Structure formats: structure tokens, C-alpha cells
Amino acid sequence: MAYFLQQIANAVPVAALYAVLAFGYSIAFAVTRRADIAYGALFAFAAQLFVLFAGYGWNQLWLVLPAALGFGALGALVYSLGAAVLVGRHVMRPLAFSSDNTVVVAALGVVLVLMETARLASDARSLWLPPLLATPVVFWNDAAFPVALTVLQLANTLAMLAMIALGAVFLARSRWGRRWRAVSQDRRAAELCGIDSASVYLSAYALAALFASLTGMLAVSYYGNMDFGAGLVFGVKVLFIAALGGAGNPLRSALGGAAIGLTETLWSAYGSFLWRDVVVIAALVLLLIIFRRERPVI
């Protein structure tokens, strides 16, 4: 029983990670209805640059650890958001309302460029962060098997849930959120009402990239490292996760992400780790085939 409860506890940070990734992805998807695996590449790119800049601040600038981490976060945000705006303006926006195939091919090219840029910037070295806030917080003090999470896991979970809550309020209450809903529901009708759909798309892409970048830095602060090929893996996963929950609706997408995070963690605990991604993606594809239908944005 204690082992099962520990796996449920382990699933909470993973579920929050997938939930916030799916939430951010759906913000951009809602205005284009085009699958974009480059979102996962931005997530991994920000994580890798965070480690790279933090390491540079620690080793070359002789900063104390909090200052080095702050330097890493600033550098990662500047470069990842800059790359997102560049890609959104010059690659994705011109292709966003064309055929699905062109967007898929362009997104794959973006994934390769970002992945190789991060690899070359780090000289193909696998850089690691030191353990951060690793003090365990015990929820069930069983002598044989205590159920616990680290302080960083709890902090990351709260930060990700706060991102979803603030994002939902912003989309529901802000003037930009009303314009975003109008474009996502009917782009041409919104343009007839004087809304610039191109600028809404670009700002939605930038907002989605902000979610991906912040989530990438939070994730790598716990895991310590992000593989160069993680962008493609996360891009495909988030695409299917968001589609399962209703990719045009951020909150439903977040719920879908949380469900997959729970499923993935339980599979890792009781099944073969090597087959985890294969089983999860195959199950997502099967569910999408069974329940495929158009979901309106509300």
C-alpha cells in the first residue's frame, strides 16, 4: 500500500508538468487548428539553455548558486522567447492557415534546428545541475516505506498549477482573451469585426512559448538534465495529450495531460520502463481514433 501511495505522490509533479504543457500548447493550437511539434522543442530548448547559462555563470563568472540559476533563467527566457517570436513570425504564421502537411514539415525543421543549436552550444556535452531543494517532505511516516516528495517537487507542482490558474483567468477575463476566443471560434468573422488575426496568432504563439519555456526550466531544475532529443519526444507527446483532452480548450487539455501523467507514472512503477512511451503513445492514438470528433472552443 505504501508503495502505491508513493507512486501516486510521484505522479502529482508529472501530471502537473504535462497539464501545464498541454495548457500552453492549446493556446496556440486554438487559433490555427494545426498540429505543431515545435512546441516540445521550445520546452527542451529552454531547459537546455537554462543549464548551459547557469553552468557558465557558475564556472566562468564565479557567481553564487542562486545568482547563477537566475542568470541561467534570464538567458534561457531571452533566447527561447526570441526563437519563438522568430519562428512564429517568419515560419509558422505564414503557413498557419495553409495545409496541415506544410506546418508539420516546418515544425519538424524547427525541432531539428533548435535541437542542434542546443547541442552545438554545449559542445555536445551532457551538462547537469546540482540537486536543488532535495529535502524530503514526508506525508506518511511508515517505518518500512515512508511516502515523501522533495521540497522542489512540491514547489514545482505549485508553480505549474499557479501557471494554469493564472493563464485560465487571463484568457477568461482579459481583452486579449476575448480577441483570442473570437479568432479561435471563427477567424474570418473576427477579422470582419476588426480583429487582426495575424497579431493574435503571433501573440498566442509567444504566450504558448512562455509556458513551454518556464515549464522547461522548472522540469530541468528537478531532473538536472535535458537530453538533446527530448524536444521531439515531448512535441509528439504533448500533441497527442492535448488532442485527447480537446486541443482547442486549454483547461480540458490540461486535464488530459494530468491523466496521462498519472498513467505514465503508474506504468513506470508496475510495467516495463522501456515500453512506457510506446504504450502511452499507442494508447493515445487508439483513444483519438475511437473518440475522434470536432470539439468547439468554449
C-alpha atoms as a PDB file:
ATOM      1  CA  MET A   1       0.000   0.000   0.000  1.00  0.00           C
ATOM      2  CA  ALA A   2       2.812   2.415   0.849  1.00  0.00           C
ATOM      3  CA  TYR A   3       4.467   1.710  -2.497  1.00  0.00           C
ATOM      4  CA  PHE A   4       1.226   2.503  -4.351  1.00  0.00           C
ATOM      5  CA  LEU A   5       0.764   5.741  -2.392  1.00  0.00           C
ATOM      6  CA  GLN A   6       4.346   6.735  -3.215  1.00  0.00           C
ATOM      7  CA  GLN A   7       3.639   6.226  -6.917  1.00  0.00           C
ATOM      8  CA  ILE A   8       0.527   8.385  -6.645  1.00  0.00           C
ATOM      9  CA  ALA A   9       2.658  11.058  -4.963  1.00  0.00           C
ATOM     10  CA  ASN A  10       5.288  10.713  -7.711  1.00  0.00           C
ATOM     11  CA  ALA A  11       2.554  11.149 -10.317  1.00  0.00           C
ATOM     12  CA  VAL A  12       1.490  14.559  -8.999  1.00  0.00           C
ATOM     13  CA  PRO A  13       4.538  16.540 -10.304  1.00  0.00           C
ATOM     14  CA  VAL A  14       4.477  14.632 -13.605  1.00  0.00           C
ATOM     15  CA  ALA A  15       0.751  15.257 -14.023  1.00  0.00           C
ATOM     16  CA  ALA A  16       1.274  18.961 -13.314  1.00  0.00           C
ATOM     17  CA  LEU A  17       4.099  19.063 -15.885  1.00  0.00           C
ATOM     18  CA  TYR A  18       2.010  17.516 -18.655  1.00  0.00           C
ATOM     19  CA  ALA A  19      -1.015  19.588 -17.679  1.00  0.00           C
ATOM     20  CA  VAL A  20       0.765  22.933 -17.999  1.00  0.00           C
ATOM     21  CA  LEU A  21       2.457  21.856 -21.253  1.00  0.00           C
ATOM     22  CA  ALA A  22      -0.890  20.858 -22.752  1.00  0.00           C
ATOM     23  CA  PHE A  23      -2.481  24.086 -21.499  1.00  0.00           C
ATOM     24  CA  GLY A  24       0.160  26.227 -23.197  1.00  0.00           C
ATOM     25  CA  TYR A  25       0.095  24.208 -26.405  1.00  0.00           C
ATOM     26  CA  SER A  26      -3.661  24.565 -26.770  1.00  0.00           C
ATOM     27  CA  ILE A  27      -3.421  28.372 -26.605  1.00  0.00           C
ATOM     28  CA  ALA A  28      -1.572  28.412 -29.930  1.00  0.00           C
ATOM     29  CA  PHE A  29      -3.441  25.445 -31.412  1.00  0.00           C
ATOM     30  CA  ALA A  30      -6.862  27.006 -30.805  1.00  0.00           C
ATOM     31  CA  VAL A  31      -6.248  29.805 -33.313  1.00  0.00           C
ATOM     32  CA  THR A  32      -4.743  27.635 -36.087  1.00  0.00           C
ATOM     33  CA  ARG A  33      -6.058  24.074 -35.653  1.00  0.00           C
ATOM     34  CA  ARG A  34      -2.679  22.869 -36.943  1.00  0.00           C
ATOM     35  CA  ALA A  35      -0.549  20.268 -35.172  1.00  0.00           C
ATOM     36  CA  ASP A  36       2.802  21.755 -34.140  1.00  0.00           C
ATOM     37  CA  ILE A  37       5.512  19.534 -32.640  1.00  0.00           C
ATOM     38  CA  ALA A  38       7.873  22.527 -32.387  1.00  0.00           C
ATOM     39  CA  TYR A  39       6.230  23.376 -29.046  1.00  0.00           C
ATOM     40  CA  GLY A  40       8.027  20.480 -27.379  1.00  0.00           C
ATOM     41  CA  ALA A  41      11.304  21.642 -28.913  1.00  0.00           C
ATOM     42  CA  LEU A  42      10.880  25.072 -27.285  1.00  0.00           C
ATOM     43  CA  PHE A  43      10.312  23.320 -23.954  1.00  0.00           C
ATOM     44  CA  ALA A  44      13.536  21.305 -24.279  1.00  0.00           C
ATOM     45  CA  PHE A  45      15.469  24.250 -25.769  1.00  0.00           C
ATOM     46  CA  ALA A  46      14.689  26.474 -22.776  1.00  0.00           C
ATOM     47  CA  ALA A  47      15.656  23.698 -20.355  1.00  0.00           C
ATOM     48  CA  GLN A  48      18.983  23.081 -22.094  1.00  0.00           C
ATOM     49  CA  LEU A  49      19.837  26.775 -22.250  1.00  0.00           C
ATOM     50  CA  PHE A  50      18.943  27.172 -18.583  1.00  0.00           C
ATOM     51  CA  VAL A  51      21.514  24.515 -17.671  1.00  0.00           C
ATOM     52  CA  LEU A  52      24.062  25.973 -20.110  1.00  0.00           C
ATOM     53  CA  PHE A  53      23.789  29.566 -18.870  1.00  0.00           C
ATOM     54  CA  ALA A  54      23.660  28.502 -15.225  1.00  0.00           C
ATOM     55  CA  GLY A  55      26.834  26.489 -15.743  1.00  0.00           C
ATOM     56  CA  TYR A  56      28.510  29.431 -17.442  1.00  0.00           C
ATOM     57  CA  GLY A  57      27.535  31.744 -14.600  1.00  0.00           C
ATOM     58  CA  TRP A  58      28.883  29.280 -12.032  1.00  0.00           C
ATOM     59  CA  ASN A  59      32.129  28.267 -13.787  1.00  0.00           C
ATOM     60  CA  GLN A  60      33.094  31.383 -15.736  1.00  0.00           C
ATOM     61  CA  LEU A  61      31.511  34.313 -13.896  1.00  0.00           C
ATOM     62  CA  TRP A  62      32.053  32.830 -10.417  1.00  0.00           C
ATOM     63  CA  LEU A  63      28.512  33.580  -9.326  1.00  0.00           C
ATOM     64  CA  VAL A  64      26.988  32.056  -6.219  1.00  0.00           C
ATOM     65  CA  LEU A  65      24.444  29.323  -6.968  1.00  0.00           C
ATOM     66  CA  PRO A  66      21.227  31.426  -6.681  1.00  0.00           C
ATOM     67  CA  ALA A  67      22.745  34.130  -8.907  1.00  0.00           C
ATOM     68  CA  ALA A  68      23.949  31.507 -11.400  1.00  0.00           C
ATOM     69  CA  LEU A  69      20.466  29.992 -11.556  1.00  0.00           C
ATOM     70  CA  GLY A  70      18.946  33.462 -12.040  1.00  0.00           C
ATOM     71  CA  PHE A  71      21.442  34.165 -14.816  1.00  0.00           C
ATOM     72  CA  GLY A  72      20.536  30.843 -16.411  1.00  0.00           C
ATOM     73  CA  ALA A  73      16.817  31.583 -16.215  1.00  0.00           C
ATOM     74  CA  LEU A  74      17.256  35.034 -17.752  1.00  0.00           C
ATOM     75  CA  GLY A  75      19.411  33.727 -20.599  1.00  0.00           C
ATOM     76  CA  ALA A  76      17.039  30.830 -21.292  1.00  0.00           C
ATOM     77  CA  LEU A  77      13.984  33.107 -21.384  1.00  0.00           C
ATOM     78  CA  VAL A  78      15.624  35.645 -23.690  1.00  0.00           C
ATOM     79  CA  TYR A  79      16.812  33.071 -26.203  1.00  0.00           C
ATOM     80  CA  SER A  80      13.799  30.750 -26.104  1.00  0.00           C
ATOM     81  CA  LEU A  81      11.244  33.562 -26.395  1.00  0.00           C
ATOM     82  CA  GLY A  82      13.363  35.239 -29.069  1.00  0.00           C
ATOM     83  CA  ALA A  83      13.467  31.990 -31.012  1.00  0.00           C
ATOM     84  CA  ALA A  84       9.706  31.561 -30.548  1.00  0.00           C
ATOM     85  CA  VAL A  85       8.917  35.039 -31.885  1.00  0.00           C
ATOM     86  CA  LEU A  86      11.260  34.489 -34.828  1.00  0.00           C
ATOM     87  CA  VAL A  87       9.754  31.104 -35.647  1.00  0.00           C
ATOM     88  CA  GLY A  88       6.191  32.322 -35.098  1.00  0.00           C
ATOM     89  CA  ARG A  89       6.576  35.403 -37.286  1.00  0.00           C
ATOM     90  CA  HIS A  90       8.640  34.031 -40.164  1.00  0.00           C
ATOM     91  CA  VAL A  91       7.840  30.319 -40.238  1.00  0.00           C
ATOM     92  CA  MET A  92       4.582  29.358 -38.558  1.00  0.00           C
ATOM     93  CA  ARG A  93       2.384  32.407 -39.188  1.00  0.00           C
ATOM     94  CA  PRO A  94       2.834  32.372 -42.997  1.00  0.00           C
ATOM     95  CA  LEU A  95       1.994  28.648 -43.007  1.00  0.00           C
ATOM     96  CA  ALA A  96      -0.544  28.545 -40.188  1.00  0.00           C
ATOM     97  CA  PHE A  97      -3.651  28.755 -42.372  1.00  0.00           C
ATOM     98  CA  SER A  98      -2.371  26.594 -45.223  1.00  0.00           C
ATOM     99  CA  SER A  99      -2.428  22.796 -45.366  1.00  0.00           C
ATOM    100  CA  ASP A 100      -1.601  20.617 -42.377  1.00  0.00           C
ATOM    101  CA  ASN A 101       1.338  18.980 -44.121  1.00  0.00           C
ATOM    102  CA  THR A 102       3.302  22.202 -44.580  1.00  0.00           C
ATOM    103  CA  VAL A 103       3.042  23.035 -40.887  1.00  0.00           C
ATOM    104  CA  VAL A 104       4.167  19.531 -39.880  1.00  0.00           C
ATOM    105  CA  VAL A 105       7.215  19.695 -42.155  1.00  0.00           C
ATOM    106  CA  ALA A 106       8.127  23.210 -40.991  1.00  0.00           C
ATOM    107  CA  ALA A 107       7.703  22.220 -37.333  1.00  0.00           C
ATOM    108  CA  LEU A 108       9.986  19.237 -37.814  1.00  0.00           C
ATOM    109  CA  GLY A 109      12.605  21.561 -39.303  1.00  0.00           C
ATOM    110  CA  VAL A 110      12.288  23.879 -36.285  1.00  0.00           C
ATOM    111  CA  VAL A 111      12.748  20.901 -33.937  1.00  0.00           C
ATOM    112  CA  LEU A 112      15.970  19.897 -35.688  1.00  0.00           C
ATOM    113  CA  VAL A 113      17.338  23.458 -35.726  1.00  0.00           C
ATOM    114  CA  LEU A 114      16.655  24.053 -32.019  1.00  0.00           C
ATOM    115  CA  MET A 115      17.942  20.621 -31.049  1.00  0.00           C
ATOM    116  CA  GLU A 116      21.197  21.072 -32.975  1.00  0.00           C
ATOM    117  CA  THR A 117      21.632  24.644 -31.742  1.00  0.00           C
ATOM    118  CA  ALA A 118      21.488  23.489 -28.123  1.00  0.00           C
ATOM    119  CA  ARG A 119      23.834  20.581 -28.853  1.00  0.00           C
ATOM    120  CA  LEU A 120      26.432  22.751 -30.583  1.00  0.00           C
ATOM    121  CA  ALA A 121      26.207  25.470 -27.930  1.00  0.00           C
ATOM    122  CA  SER A 122      27.129  22.923 -25.248  1.00  0.00           C
ATOM    123  CA  ASP A 123      29.770  21.171 -27.415  1.00  0.00           C
ATOM    124  CA  ALA A 124      27.633  18.019 -27.304  1.00  0.00           C
ATOM    125  CA  ARG A 125      28.342  17.685 -23.581  1.00  0.00           C
ATOM    126  CA  SER A 126      25.671  16.490 -21.187  1.00  0.00           C
ATOM    127  CA  LEU A 127      25.565  19.203 -18.523  1.00  0.00           C
ATOM    128  CA  TRP A 128      23.932  18.679 -15.129  1.00  0.00           C
ATOM    129  CA  LEU A 129      22.557  20.906 -12.409  1.00  0.00           C
ATOM    130  CA  PRO A 130      23.304  20.042  -8.770  1.00  0.00           C
ATOM    131  CA  PRO A 131      20.435  18.656  -6.641  1.00  0.00           C
ATOM    132  CA  LEU A 132      18.212  21.556  -5.605  1.00  0.00           C
ATOM    133  CA  LEU A 133      15.865  21.699  -2.579  1.00  0.00           C
ATOM    134  CA  ALA A 134      16.174  17.936  -2.167  1.00  0.00           C
ATOM    135  CA  THR A 135      14.922  17.831   1.426  1.00  0.00           C
ATOM    136  CA  PRO A 136      12.115  15.234   1.627  1.00  0.00           C
ATOM    137  CA  VAL A 137       8.691  16.171   2.925  1.00  0.00           C
ATOM    138  CA  VAL A 138       7.129  13.053   4.447  1.00  0.00           C
ATOM    139  CA  PHE A 139       3.365  12.560   4.046  1.00  0.00           C
ATOM    140  CA  TRP A 140       3.103   9.100   5.573  1.00  0.00           C
ATOM    141  CA  ASN A 141       5.837   8.172   8.012  1.00  0.00           C
ATOM    142  CA  ASP A 142       5.796   4.396   7.554  1.00  0.00           C
ATOM    143  CA  ALA A 143       8.898   2.834   9.108  1.00  0.00           C
ATOM    144  CA  ALA A 144       9.343   0.404   6.209  1.00  0.00           C
ATOM    145  CA  PHE A 145       8.393   2.707   3.312  1.00  0.00           C
ATOM    146  CA  PRO A 146       7.781   6.409   4.029  1.00  0.00           C
ATOM    147  CA  VAL A 147       5.758   8.292   1.412  1.00  0.00           C
ATOM    148  CA  ALA A 148       7.513  11.564   0.570  1.00  0.00           C
ATOM    149  CA  LEU A 149       8.256  14.189  -2.069  1.00  0.00           C
ATOM    150  CA  THR A 150      11.095  16.693  -2.143  1.00  0.00           C
ATOM    151  CA  VAL A 151      10.638  20.386  -1.491  1.00  0.00           C
ATOM    152  CA  LEU A 152      11.479  21.094  -5.152  1.00  0.00           C
ATOM    153  CA  GLN A 153       8.826  18.684  -6.410  1.00  0.00           C
ATOM    154  CA  LEU A 154       6.198  20.399  -4.285  1.00  0.00           C
ATOM    155  CA  ALA A 155       7.382  23.872  -5.302  1.00  0.00           C
ATOM    156  CA  ASN A 156       7.372  22.939  -8.995  1.00  0.00           C
ATOM    157  CA  THR A 157       3.887  21.452  -8.713  1.00  0.00           C
ATOM    158  CA  LEU A 158       2.518  24.577  -7.040  1.00  0.00           C
ATOM    159  CA  ALA A 159       4.224  26.811  -9.622  1.00  0.00           C
ATOM    160  CA  MET A 160       2.769  24.827 -12.522  1.00  0.00           C
ATOM    161  CA  LEU A 161      -0.727  24.811 -11.037  1.00  0.00           C
ATOM    162  CA  ALA A 162      -0.423  28.559 -10.495  1.00  0.00           C
ATOM    163  CA  MET A 163       0.560  28.993 -14.151  1.00  0.00           C
ATOM    164  CA  ILE A 164      -2.579  27.130 -15.247  1.00  0.00           C
ATOM    165  CA  ALA A 165      -4.801  29.124 -12.887  1.00  0.00           C
ATOM    166  CA  LEU A 166      -3.358  32.492 -13.919  1.00  0.00           C
ATOM    167  CA  GLY A 167      -3.488  31.519 -17.589  1.00  0.00           C
ATOM    168  CA  ALA A 168      -7.145  30.492 -17.319  1.00  0.00           C
ATOM    169  CA  VAL A 169      -8.075  33.754 -15.581  1.00  0.00           C
ATOM    170  CA  PHE A 170      -6.151  35.768 -18.174  1.00  0.00           C
ATOM    171  CA  LEU A 171      -7.883  34.023 -21.080  1.00  0.00           C
ATOM    172  CA  ALA A 172     -11.307  34.410 -19.463  1.00  0.00           C
ATOM    173  CA  ARG A 173     -11.089  37.991 -18.183  1.00  0.00           C
ATOM    174  CA  SER A 174      -8.643  39.960 -20.338  1.00  0.00           C
ATOM    175  CA  ARG A 175      -9.357  41.908 -23.503  1.00  0.00           C
ATOM    176  CA  TRP A 176      -6.740  39.844 -25.318  1.00  0.00           C
ATOM    177  CA  GLY A 177      -8.509  36.687 -24.142  1.00  0.00           C
ATOM    178  CA  ARG A 178     -11.753  37.847 -25.774  1.00  0.00           C
ATOM    179  CA  ARG A 179      -9.928  38.500 -29.040  1.00  0.00           C
ATOM    180  CA  TRP A 180      -8.234  35.100 -28.769  1.00  0.00           C
ATOM    181  CA  ARG A 181     -11.588  33.362 -28.316  1.00  0.00           C
ATOM    182  CA  ALA A 182     -13.064  35.253 -31.252  1.00  0.00           C
ATOM    183  CA  VAL A 183     -10.233  34.212 -33.580  1.00  0.00           C
ATOM    184  CA  SER A 184     -10.287  30.625 -32.330  1.00  0.00           C
ATOM    185  CA  GLN A 185     -14.031  30.329 -32.894  1.00  0.00           C
ATOM    186  CA  ASP A 186     -14.201  31.981 -36.336  1.00  0.00           C
ATOM    187  CA  ARG A 187     -11.129  33.700 -37.729  1.00  0.00           C
ATOM    188  CA  ARG A 188     -12.804  35.300 -40.719  1.00  0.00           C
ATOM    189  CA  ALA A 189     -15.748  36.628 -38.712  1.00  0.00           C
ATOM    190  CA  ALA A 190     -13.302  38.090 -36.188  1.00  0.00           C
ATOM    191  CA  GLU A 191     -11.426  39.844 -38.993  1.00  0.00           C
ATOM    192  CA  LEU A 192     -14.696  41.341 -40.235  1.00  0.00           C
ATOM    193  CA  CYS A 193     -15.131  42.771 -36.730  1.00  0.00           C
ATOM    194  CA  GLY A 194     -11.746  44.500 -36.954  1.00  0.00           C
ATOM    195  CA  ILE A 195      -9.577  41.963 -35.109  1.00  0.00           C
ATOM    196  CA  ASP A 196      -6.130  41.371 -36.564  1.00  0.00           C
ATOM    197  CA  SER A 197      -5.985  37.576 -36.544  1.00  0.00           C
ATOM    198  CA  ALA A 198      -2.304  37.515 -37.532  1.00  0.00           C
ATOM    199  CA  SER A 199      -1.258  39.534 -34.480  1.00  0.00           C
ATOM    200  CA  VAL A 200      -3.472  37.399 -32.232  1.00  0.00           C
ATOM    201  CA  TYR A 201      -1.826  34.276 -33.602  1.00  0.00           C
ATOM    202  CA  LEU A 202       1.680  35.650 -33.082  1.00  0.00           C
ATOM    203  CA  SER A 203       0.930  36.731 -29.505  1.00  0.00           C
ATOM    204  CA  ALA A 204      -0.733  33.378 -28.798  1.00  0.00           C
ATOM    205  CA  TYR A 205       2.360  31.597 -30.095  1.00  0.00           C
ATOM    206  CA  ALA A 206       4.560  33.771 -27.865  1.00  0.00           C
ATOM    207  CA  LEU A 207       2.345  33.090 -24.839  1.00  0.00           C
ATOM    208  CA  ALA A 208       2.465  29.350 -25.527  1.00  0.00           C
ATOM    209  CA  ALA A 209       6.254  29.601 -25.825  1.00  0.00           C
ATOM    210  CA  LEU A 210       6.387  31.366 -22.450  1.00  0.00           C
ATOM    211  CA  PHE A 211       4.525  28.443 -20.874  1.00  0.00           C
ATOM    212  CA  ALA A 212       6.878  25.981 -22.562  1.00  0.00           C
ATOM    213  CA  SER A 213       9.996  27.893 -21.500  1.00  0.00           C
ATOM    214  CA  LEU A 214       9.003  28.305 -17.858  1.00  0.00           C
ATOM    215  CA  THR A 215       7.931  24.672 -17.659  1.00  0.00           C
ATOM    216  CA  GLY A 216      11.199  23.530 -19.228  1.00  0.00           C
ATOM    217  CA  MET A 217      13.233  25.386 -16.616  1.00  0.00           C
ATOM    218  CA  LEU A 218      11.110  24.022 -13.768  1.00  0.00           C
ATOM    219  CA  ALA A 219      11.409  20.475 -15.112  1.00  0.00           C
ATOM    220  CA  VAL A 220      15.177  20.552 -15.611  1.00  0.00           C
ATOM    221  CA  SER A 221      15.702  22.077 -12.170  1.00  0.00           C
ATOM    222  CA  TYR A 222      14.378  18.789 -10.776  1.00  0.00           C
ATOM    223  CA  TYR A 223      15.704  16.272 -13.296  1.00  0.00           C
ATOM    224  CA  GLY A 224      19.047  18.071 -13.584  1.00  0.00           C
ATOM    225  CA  ASN A 225      19.483  17.447 -17.299  1.00  0.00           C
ATOM    226  CA  MET A 226      17.533  17.504 -20.574  1.00  0.00           C
ATOM    227  CA  ASP A 227      18.508  15.226 -23.446  1.00  0.00           C
ATOM    228  CA  PHE A 228      19.083  16.812 -26.876  1.00  0.00           C
ATOM    229  CA  GLY A 229      16.414  14.617 -28.448  1.00  0.00           C
ATOM    230  CA  ALA A 230      13.795  15.378 -25.798  1.00  0.00           C
ATOM    231  CA  GLY A 231      12.228  18.133 -27.907  1.00  0.00           C
ATOM    232  CA  LEU A 232      10.869  15.718 -30.493  1.00  0.00           C
ATOM    233  CA  VAL A 233       9.626  13.253 -27.866  1.00  0.00           C
ATOM    234  CA  PHE A 234       7.827  15.919 -25.835  1.00  0.00           C
ATOM    235  CA  GLY A 235       6.494  17.559 -29.002  1.00  0.00           C
ATOM    236  CA  VAL A 236       4.776  14.348 -30.089  1.00  0.00           C
ATOM    237  CA  LYS A 237       3.547  13.563 -26.581  1.00  0.00           C
ATOM    238  CA  VAL A 238       2.048  16.998 -25.991  1.00  0.00           C
ATOM    239  CA  LEU A 239       0.376  16.941 -29.397  1.00  0.00           C
ATOM    240  CA  PHE A 240      -1.475  13.706 -28.570  1.00  0.00           C
ATOM    241  CA  ILE A 241      -2.132  14.659 -24.941  1.00  0.00           C
ATOM    242  CA  ALA A 242      -3.712  17.970 -25.895  1.00  0.00           C
ATOM    243  CA  ALA A 243      -5.753  16.320 -28.634  1.00  0.00           C
ATOM    244  CA  LEU A 244      -7.105  13.770 -26.150  1.00  0.00           C
ATOM    245  CA  GLY A 245      -8.309  16.464 -23.775  1.00  0.00           C
ATOM    246  CA  GLY A 246      -9.619  18.754 -26.502  1.00  0.00           C
ATOM    247  CA  ALA A 247      -6.738  20.685 -28.030  1.00  0.00           C
ATOM    248  CA  GLY A 248      -8.764  23.829 -28.620  1.00  0.00           C
ATOM    249  CA  ASN A 249      -9.707  24.151 -24.963  1.00  0.00           C
ATOM    250  CA  PRO A 250      -6.760  24.830 -22.605  1.00  0.00           C
ATOM    251  CA  LEU A 251      -8.378  23.566 -19.398  1.00  0.00           C
ATOM    252  CA  ARG A 252      -9.586  20.338 -20.989  1.00  0.00           C
ATOM    253  CA  SER A 253      -6.149  19.855 -22.500  1.00  0.00           C
ATOM    254  CA  ALA A 254      -4.629  20.324 -19.038  1.00  0.00           C
ATOM    255  CA  LEU A 255      -6.927  17.641 -17.622  1.00  0.00           C
ATOM    256  CA  GLY A 256      -5.879  15.298 -20.418  1.00  0.00           C
ATOM    257  CA  GLY A 257      -2.246  15.996 -19.614  1.00  0.00           C
ATOM    258  CA  ALA A 258      -2.775  15.262 -15.929  1.00  0.00           C
ATOM    259  CA  ALA A 259      -4.448  11.942 -16.758  1.00  0.00           C
ATOM    260  CA  ILE A 260      -1.551  10.893 -18.969  1.00  0.00           C
ATOM    261  CA  GLY A 261       0.976  11.917 -16.318  1.00  0.00           C
ATOM    262  CA  LEU A 262      -0.755   9.652 -13.802  1.00  0.00           C
ATOM    263  CA  THR A 263      -0.939   6.780 -16.296  1.00  0.00           C
ATOM    264  CA  GLU A 264       2.699   7.120 -17.307  1.00  0.00           C
ATOM    265  CA  THR A 265       3.929   7.123 -13.701  1.00  0.00           C
ATOM    266  CA  LEU A 266       1.898   4.045 -12.773  1.00  0.00           C
ATOM    267  CA  TRP A 267       3.155   2.217 -15.865  1.00  0.00           C
ATOM    268  CA  SER A 268       6.759   3.040 -14.896  1.00  0.00           C
ATOM    269  CA  ALA A 269       6.085   1.632 -11.419  1.00  0.00           C
ATOM    270  CA  TYR A 270       4.393  -1.607 -12.423  1.00  0.00           C
ATOM    271  CA  GLY A 271       5.346  -2.177 -16.074  1.00  0.00           C
ATOM    272  CA  SER A 272       8.438  -2.187 -18.260  1.00  0.00           C
ATOM    273  CA  PHE A 273      10.073   1.249 -18.388  1.00  0.00           C
ATOM    274  CA  LEU A 274      11.473   0.579 -21.879  1.00  0.00           C
ATOM    275  CA  TRP A 275       7.952   0.162 -23.277  1.00  0.00           C
ATOM    276  CA  ARG A 276       6.433   3.112 -21.440  1.00  0.00           C
ATOM    277  CA  ASP A 277       6.462   5.696 -24.243  1.00  0.00           C
ATOM    278  CA  VAL A 278       5.401   3.132 -26.845  1.00  0.00           C
ATOM    279  CA  VAL A 279       2.433   2.017 -24.773  1.00  0.00           C
ATOM    280  CA  VAL A 280       1.356   5.548 -23.811  1.00  0.00           C
ATOM    281  CA  ILE A 281       1.537   6.929 -27.365  1.00  0.00           C
ATOM    282  CA  ALA A 282      -0.173   3.840 -28.814  1.00  0.00           C
ATOM    283  CA  ALA A 283      -2.976   4.200 -26.249  1.00  0.00           C
ATOM    284  CA  LEU A 284      -3.346   7.894 -27.107  1.00  0.00           C
ATOM    285  CA  VAL A 285      -3.584   7.116 -30.818  1.00  0.00           C
ATOM    286  CA  LEU A 286      -6.207   4.421 -30.153  1.00  0.00           C
ATOM    287  CA  LEU A 287      -8.289   6.743 -27.978  1.00  0.00           C
ATOM    288  CA  LEU A 288      -8.131   9.500 -30.591  1.00  0.00           C
ATOM    289  CA  ILE A 289      -9.342   7.095 -33.260  1.00  0.00           C
ATOM    290  CA  ILE A 290     -12.211   5.866 -31.080  1.00  0.00           C
ATOM    291  CA  PHE A 291     -13.362   9.267 -29.816  1.00  0.00           C
ATOM    292  CA  ARG A 292     -12.452  11.448 -32.782  1.00  0.00           C
ATOM    293  CA  ARG A 293     -14.803  14.393 -33.181  1.00  0.00           C
ATOM    294  CA  GLU A 294     -14.657  18.161 -33.537  1.00  0.00           C
ATOM    295  CA  ARG A 295     -14.662  19.978 -30.200  1.00  0.00           C
ATOM    296  CA  PRO A 296     -15.683  23.642 -30.273  1.00  0.00           C
ATOM    297  CA  VAL A 297     -13.790  26.196 -28.207  1.00  0.00           C
ATOM    298  CA  ILE A 298     -15.943  27.477 -25.361  1.00  0.00           C
END
